[in-house]
Amino acid sequence: MRRLRADGQGDVFLDLDGKGAGRSAYLCSDQNCLAQGLSVQKLNRALRRPIREDSVNLLRQELLCQPR
C-alpha cells in the first residue's frame, strides 16, 4: 500500500514515510489498482478536495517508475 497526501493547493504527493500533514488516502501497488485509482475524480472523492490533473499526471509517472 502506498500513501498519497493532498495539500491545500490541489497537489497530490506520494508520502513515503507516512507522516506528512494533510488529507491522505491509500492505494495498492498493483498495476490495475494504480490505473483505476489514479483518476482525478477518484482522488477528489478519496481526498475530499479538488486535485489538479497535472499533479495526478506527475504522481502517475512517479509511481509507474518506482519499484514495488
N, C-alpha and C. Protein backbone atom coordinates (compact mmCIF):
# COMPACT_ATOMS: atom_id res chain seq x y z
N MET A 1 0.85 -1.18 0.00
CA MET A 1 0.00 0.00 0.00
C MET A 1 0.90 1.24 0.00
N ARG A 2 0.44 2.21 -0.75
CA ARG A 2 1.17 3.48 -0.83
C ARG A 2 0.25 4.59 -0.35
N ARG A 3 0.81 5.48 0.45
CA ARG A 3 0.03 6.58 1.00
C ARG A 3 0.18 7.80 0.11
N LEU A 4 -0.95 8.37 -0.27
CA LEU A 4 -0.98 9.60 -1.05
C LEU A 4 -1.46 10.72 -0.13
N ARG A 5 -0.88 11.89 -0.31
CA ARG A 5 -1.23 13.03 0.53
C ARG A 5 -1.58 14.21 -0.35
N ALA A 6 -2.59 14.96 0.03
CA ALA A 6 -3.01 16.15 -0.71
C ALA A 6 -2.74 17.39 0.12
N ASP A 7 -2.35 18.47 -0.56
CA ASP A 7 -2.19 19.74 0.13
C ASP A 7 -3.37 20.65 -0.22
N GLY A 8 -3.38 21.85 0.28
CA GLY A 8 -4.49 22.77 0.06
C GLY A 8 -4.51 23.42 -1.31
N GLN A 9 -3.45 23.24 -2.10
CA GLN A 9 -3.38 23.86 -3.42
C GLN A 9 -3.79 22.91 -4.54
N GLY A 10 -4.26 21.73 -4.21
CA GLY A 10 -4.72 20.79 -5.23
C GLY A 10 -3.64 19.86 -5.73
N ASP A 11 -2.51 19.81 -5.04
CA ASP A 11 -1.43 18.89 -5.42
C ASP A 11 -1.53 17.61 -4.61
N VAL A 12 -1.14 16.51 -5.21
CA VAL A 12 -1.14 15.22 -4.54
C VAL A 12 0.28 14.66 -4.62
N PHE A 13 0.74 14.07 -3.51
CA PHE A 13 2.11 13.59 -3.38
C PHE A 13 2.13 12.17 -2.86
N LEU A 14 3.18 11.47 -3.15
CA LEU A 14 3.45 10.17 -2.55
C LEU A 14 4.10 10.45 -1.21
N ASP A 15 3.51 9.94 -0.14
CA ASP A 15 4.00 10.17 1.23
C ASP A 15 4.79 8.93 1.65
N LEU A 16 6.10 8.96 1.42
CA LEU A 16 6.94 7.78 1.65
C LEU A 16 7.06 7.38 3.11
N ASP A 17 7.13 8.35 4.02
CA ASP A 17 7.30 8.00 5.43
C ASP A 17 5.98 7.91 6.19
N GLY A 18 4.88 8.30 5.55
CA GLY A 18 3.57 8.19 6.17
C GLY A 18 3.30 9.20 7.26
N LYS A 19 4.10 10.25 7.32
CA LYS A 19 3.96 11.23 8.39
C LYS A 19 3.62 12.62 7.90
N GLY A 20 3.38 12.76 6.61
CA GLY A 20 3.08 14.08 6.07
C GLY A 20 1.73 14.59 6.53
N ALA A 21 1.64 15.90 6.70
CA ALA A 21 0.39 16.53 7.12
C ALA A 21 -0.55 16.66 5.93
N GLY A 22 -1.82 16.69 6.20
CA GLY A 22 -2.82 16.86 5.15
C GLY A 22 -3.67 15.61 4.99
N ARG A 23 -4.68 15.75 4.19
CA ARG A 23 -5.60 14.64 3.90
C ARG A 23 -4.85 13.56 3.14
N SER A 24 -5.12 12.29 3.47
CA SER A 24 -4.40 11.21 2.79
C SER A 24 -5.35 10.08 2.40
N ALA A 25 -4.84 9.24 1.49
CA ALA A 25 -5.56 8.05 1.03
C ALA A 25 -4.51 7.01 0.70
N TYR A 26 -4.93 5.75 0.70
CA TYR A 26 -4.01 4.66 0.39
C TYR A 26 -4.38 4.03 -0.95
N LEU A 27 -3.34 3.59 -1.66
CA LEU A 27 -3.50 2.99 -2.96
C LEU A 27 -2.59 1.77 -3.03
N CYS A 28 -3.12 0.64 -3.48
CA CYS A 28 -2.29 -0.56 -3.57
C CYS A 28 -1.29 -0.43 -4.72
N SER A 29 -0.27 -1.25 -4.72
CA SER A 29 0.82 -1.16 -5.69
C SER A 29 0.56 -1.94 -6.98
N ASP A 30 -0.52 -2.67 -7.04
CA ASP A 30 -0.86 -3.44 -8.23
C ASP A 30 -1.11 -2.50 -9.41
N GLN A 31 -0.63 -2.87 -10.60
CA GLN A 31 -0.78 -2.01 -11.79
C GLN A 31 -2.24 -1.70 -12.11
N ASN A 32 -3.13 -2.68 -11.97
CA ASN A 32 -4.56 -2.44 -12.24
C ASN A 32 -5.15 -1.46 -11.23
N CYS A 33 -4.76 -1.61 -9.99
CA CYS A 33 -5.24 -0.72 -8.94
C CYS A 33 -4.75 0.71 -9.19
N LEU A 34 -3.48 0.84 -9.57
CA LEU A 34 -2.92 2.16 -9.87
C LEU A 34 -3.67 2.81 -11.03
N ALA A 35 -3.92 2.04 -12.07
CA ALA A 35 -4.61 2.58 -13.24
C ALA A 35 -6.01 3.07 -12.89
N GLN A 36 -6.72 2.35 -12.06
CA GLN A 36 -8.08 2.73 -11.68
C GLN A 36 -8.08 3.84 -10.65
N GLY A 37 -7.17 3.77 -9.69
CA GLY A 37 -7.19 4.72 -8.57
C GLY A 37 -6.61 6.07 -8.88
N LEU A 38 -5.80 6.16 -9.93
CA LEU A 38 -5.16 7.44 -10.25
C LEU A 38 -5.97 8.25 -11.26
N SER A 39 -7.25 8.34 -11.03
CA SER A 39 -8.08 9.23 -11.84
C SER A 39 -8.40 10.45 -10.97
N VAL A 40 -8.52 11.59 -11.60
CA VAL A 40 -8.77 12.83 -10.86
C VAL A 40 -10.05 12.72 -10.05
N GLN A 41 -11.11 12.15 -10.65
CA GLN A 41 -12.39 12.06 -9.95
C GLN A 41 -12.29 11.18 -8.70
N LYS A 42 -11.62 10.05 -8.81
CA LYS A 42 -11.50 9.16 -7.66
C LYS A 42 -10.64 9.78 -6.57
N LEU A 43 -9.58 10.47 -6.95
CA LEU A 43 -8.75 11.14 -5.94
C LEU A 43 -9.49 12.31 -5.30
N ASN A 44 -10.27 13.05 -6.07
CA ASN A 44 -11.08 14.13 -5.49
C ASN A 44 -11.99 13.59 -4.40
N ARG A 45 -12.62 12.46 -4.67
CA ARG A 45 -13.55 11.87 -3.72
C ARG A 45 -12.81 11.32 -2.50
N ALA A 46 -11.72 10.58 -2.74
CA ALA A 46 -10.98 9.96 -1.64
C ALA A 46 -10.31 10.99 -0.74
N LEU A 47 -9.80 12.06 -1.34
CA LEU A 47 -9.06 13.06 -0.57
C LEU A 47 -9.95 14.23 -0.14
N ARG A 48 -11.20 14.20 -0.57
CA ARG A 48 -12.20 15.20 -0.18
C ARG A 48 -11.78 16.63 -0.50
N ARG A 49 -11.16 16.79 -1.66
CA ARG A 49 -10.78 18.12 -2.14
C ARG A 49 -10.46 18.02 -3.62
N PRO A 50 -10.55 19.14 -4.34
CA PRO A 50 -10.21 19.11 -5.76
C PRO A 50 -8.71 18.92 -5.97
N ILE A 51 -8.36 18.03 -6.85
CA ILE A 51 -6.96 17.72 -7.16
C ILE A 51 -6.69 18.13 -8.60
N ARG A 52 -5.54 18.77 -8.82
CA ARG A 52 -5.19 19.22 -10.17
C ARG A 52 -4.75 18.05 -11.03
N GLU A 53 -5.18 18.05 -12.28
CA GLU A 53 -4.87 16.95 -13.19
C GLU A 53 -3.37 16.84 -13.47
N ASP A 54 -2.67 17.96 -13.58
CA ASP A 54 -1.23 17.89 -13.83
C ASP A 54 -0.49 17.27 -12.65
N SER A 55 -1.00 17.48 -11.45
CA SER A 55 -0.40 16.86 -10.27
C SER A 55 -0.60 15.34 -10.29
N VAL A 56 -1.78 14.90 -10.72
CA VAL A 56 -2.05 13.46 -10.83
C VAL A 56 -1.16 12.83 -11.90
N ASN A 57 -0.96 13.53 -13.01
CA ASN A 57 -0.09 13.01 -14.06
C ASN A 57 1.35 12.84 -13.57
N LEU A 58 1.85 13.81 -12.82
CA LEU A 58 3.21 13.69 -12.25
C LEU A 58 3.30 12.53 -11.28
N LEU A 59 2.28 12.37 -10.44
CA LEU A 59 2.26 11.26 -9.49
C LEU A 59 2.20 9.92 -10.23
N ARG A 60 1.41 9.85 -11.28
CA ARG A 60 1.30 8.62 -12.07
C ARG A 60 2.68 8.22 -12.62
N GLN A 61 3.41 9.18 -13.18
CA GLN A 61 4.75 8.91 -13.70
C GLN A 61 5.68 8.43 -12.60
N GLU A 62 5.61 9.08 -11.45
CA GLU A 62 6.45 8.70 -10.32
C GLU A 62 6.16 7.28 -9.84
N LEU A 63 4.91 6.93 -9.73
CA LEU A 63 4.52 5.61 -9.24
C LEU A 63 4.86 4.50 -10.24
N LEU A 64 4.71 4.78 -11.51
CA LEU A 64 4.99 3.76 -12.50
C LEU A 64 6.49 3.52 -12.67
N CYS A 65 7.31 4.47 -12.32
CA CYS A 65 8.77 4.33 -12.42
C CYS A 65 9.39 3.76 -11.15
N GLN A 66 8.64 3.74 -10.07
CA GLN A 66 9.16 3.31 -8.77
C GLN A 66 9.04 1.80 -8.59
N PRO A 67 10.08 1.16 -8.05
CA PRO A 67 9.96 -0.28 -7.76
C PRO A 67 8.95 -0.51 -6.63
N ARG A 68 8.35 -1.67 -6.63
CA ARG A 68 7.35 -2.00 -5.60
C ARG A 68 7.99 -2.42 -4.32
